C-alpha atoms as a PDB file:
ATOM      1  CA  UNK A   1      11.883  12.876  -4.788  1.00  0.00           C
ATOM      2  CA  UNK A   2       9.543  11.765  -2.137  1.00  0.00           C
ATOM      3  CA  UNK A   3       6.153  10.517  -3.021  1.00  0.00           C
ATOM      4  CA  UNK A   4       3.292  12.678  -1.342  1.00  0.00           C
ATOM      5  CA  UNK A   5       0.835  10.540   0.851  1.00  0.00           C
ATOM      6  CA  UNK A   6      -2.189  11.614  -1.111  1.00  0.00           C
ATOM      7  CA  UNK A   7      -0.365  10.011  -4.234  1.00  0.00           C
ATOM      8  CA  UNK A   8       0.164   6.781  -2.572  1.00  0.00           C
ATOM      9  CA  UNK A   9      -3.414   6.721  -1.188  1.00  0.00           C
ATOM     10  CA  UNK A  10      -4.512   7.508  -4.780  1.00  0.00           C
ATOM     11  CA  UNK A  11      -2.498   4.494  -6.126  1.00  0.00           C
ATOM     12  CA  UNK A  12      -3.706   2.041  -3.684  1.00  0.00           C
ATOM     13  CA  UNK A  13      -7.390   2.896  -3.785  1.00  0.00           C
ATOM     14  CA  UNK A  14      -7.037   2.673  -7.604  1.00  0.00           C
ATOM     15  CA  UNK A  15      -5.225  -0.829  -7.401  1.00  0.00           C
ATOM     16  CA  UNK A  16      -7.700  -2.129  -4.580  1.00  0.00           C
ATOM     17  CA  UNK A  17     -11.275  -0.715  -5.382  1.00  0.00           C
ATOM     18  CA  UNK A  18     -13.838  -1.312  -2.800  1.00  0.00           C
ATOM     19  CA  UNK A  19     -11.118  -1.519  -0.269  1.00  0.00           C
ATOM     20  CA  UNK A  20     -10.572   0.550   3.024  1.00  0.00           C
ATOM     21  CA  UNK A  21      -6.669   2.184   2.622  1.00  0.00           C
ATOM     22  CA  UNK A  22      -5.198   3.991   5.712  1.00  0.00           C
ATOM     23  CA  UNK A  23      -1.851   5.392   5.033  1.00  0.00           C
ATOM     24  CA  UNK A  24       0.450   6.954   7.731  1.00  0.00           C
ATOM     25  CA  UNK A  25       3.647   8.780   7.213  1.00  0.00           C
ATOM     26  CA  UNK A  26       6.052   7.268   9.660  1.00  0.00           C
ATOM     27  CA  UNK A  27       8.834   9.845   9.553  1.00  0.00           C
ATOM     28  CA  UNK A  28       7.272  13.045   7.935  1.00  0.00           C
ATOM     29  CA  UNK A  29       9.492  12.907   5.035  1.00  0.00           C
ATOM     30  CA  UNK A  30       7.441  11.509   2.495  1.00  0.00           C
ATOM     31  CA  UNK A  31       9.148   8.343   1.766  1.00  0.00           C
ATOM     32  CA  UNK A  32       8.533   6.102   4.931  1.00  0.00           C
ATOM     33  CA  UNK A  33       4.889   5.093   5.093  1.00  0.00           C
ATOM     34  CA  UNK A  34       2.728   2.401   6.857  1.00  0.00           C
ATOM     35  CA  UNK A  35      -0.386   1.237   4.831  1.00  0.00           C
ATOM     36  CA  UNK A  36      -3.216  -0.697   6.049  1.00  0.00           C
ATOM     37  CA  UNK A  37      -5.328  -2.225   3.316  1.00  0.00           C
ATOM     38  CA  UNK A  38      -8.504  -4.080   3.938  1.00  0.00           C
ATOM     39  CA  UNK A  39      -9.650  -5.580   0.594  1.00  0.00           C
ATOM     40  CA  UNK A  40     -11.846  -8.350  -0.740  1.00  0.00           C
ATOM     41  CA  UNK A  41      -8.903  -9.005  -3.208  1.00  0.00           C
ATOM     42  CA  UNK A  42      -6.995 -10.465  -0.312  1.00  0.00           C
ATOM     43  CA  UNK A  43      -9.536 -13.212   0.538  1.00  0.00           C
ATOM     44  CA  UNK A  44      -8.260 -16.475   0.785  1.00  0.00           C
ATOM     45  CA  UNK A  45      -4.686 -15.856  -0.020  1.00  0.00           C
ATOM     46  CA  UNK A  46      -1.606 -16.140   2.064  1.00  0.00           C
ATOM     47  CA  UNK A  47      -0.276 -12.722   3.539  1.00  0.00           C
ATOM     48  CA  UNK A  48       3.034 -13.378   1.282  1.00  0.00           C
ATOM     49  CA  UNK A  49       0.806 -13.180  -1.756  1.00  0.00           C
ATOM     50  CA  UNK A  50      -1.341 -10.119  -0.426  1.00  0.00           C
ATOM     51  CA  UNK A  51       1.783  -8.379  -0.060  1.00  0.00           C
ATOM     52  CA  UNK A  52       3.149  -9.381  -3.449  1.00  0.00           C
ATOM     53  CA  UNK A  53      -0.293  -7.830  -4.937  1.00  0.00           C
ATOM     54  CA  UNK A  54       0.363  -4.535  -3.174  1.00  0.00           C
ATOM     55  CA  UNK A  55       4.217  -4.406  -4.397  1.00  0.00           C
ATOM     56  CA  UNK A  56       3.120  -5.181  -7.870  1.00  0.00           C
ATOM     57  CA  UNK A  57       0.797  -2.425  -7.943  1.00  0.00           C
ATOM     58  CA  UNK A  58       3.540  -0.034  -6.492  1.00  0.00           C
ATOM     59  CA  UNK A  59       6.489  -1.604  -8.605  1.00  0.00           C
ATOM     60  CA  UNK A  60       7.400   1.428 -10.383  1.00  0.00           C
ATOM     61  CA  UNK A  61       8.023   3.742  -7.243  1.00  0.00           C
ATOM     62  CA  UNK A  62       9.285   1.232  -4.823  1.00  0.00           C
ATOM     63  CA  UNK A  63      12.849   1.700  -3.973  1.00  0.00           C
ATOM     64  CA  UNK A  64      12.552   5.351  -5.773  1.00  0.00           C
ATOM     65  CA  UNK A  65      10.007   7.767  -4.748  1.00  0.00           C
ATOM     66  CA  UNK A  66       8.759   5.376  -2.216  1.00  0.00           C
ATOM     67  CA  UNK A  67      11.742   4.365  -0.165  1.00  0.00           C
ATOM     68  CA  UNK A  68       9.956   2.264   2.785  1.00  0.00           C
ATOM     69  CA  UNK A  69       6.336   0.806   3.046  1.00  0.00           C
ATOM     70  CA  UNK A  70       5.233  -1.018   6.050  1.00  0.00           C
ATOM     71  CA  UNK A  71       2.195  -3.319   5.138  1.00  0.00           C
ATOM     72  CA  UNK A  72      -0.605  -4.760   6.988  1.00  0.00           C
ATOM     73  CA  UNK A  73      -3.122  -6.271   4.631  1.00  0.00           C
ATOM     74  CA  UNK A  74      -6.429  -7.833   5.765  1.00  0.00           C
ATOM     75  CA  UNK A  75      -8.851  -9.716   3.796  1.00  0.00           C
ATOM     76  CA  UNK A  76     -12.259  -7.969   4.011  1.00  0.00           C
ATOM     77  CA  UNK A  77     -15.344 -10.098   4.863  1.00  0.00           C
END
């Protein structure tokens, strides 16, 4: 069963408080998304580590309800 966009946004906002989260449904099918996350949690971390933090926050749904997620992570100033 696909994950609603609002649920993905809720999860990302909960995992990365004080962040800017923008989620786009790429295919209109509820399981192919792009997420842009600007977060102070990423400051000083390499991009691979930033993506690992996001994947950890969504580990229970990746590959299931959430089939594909393109990430753009940006450290907040």
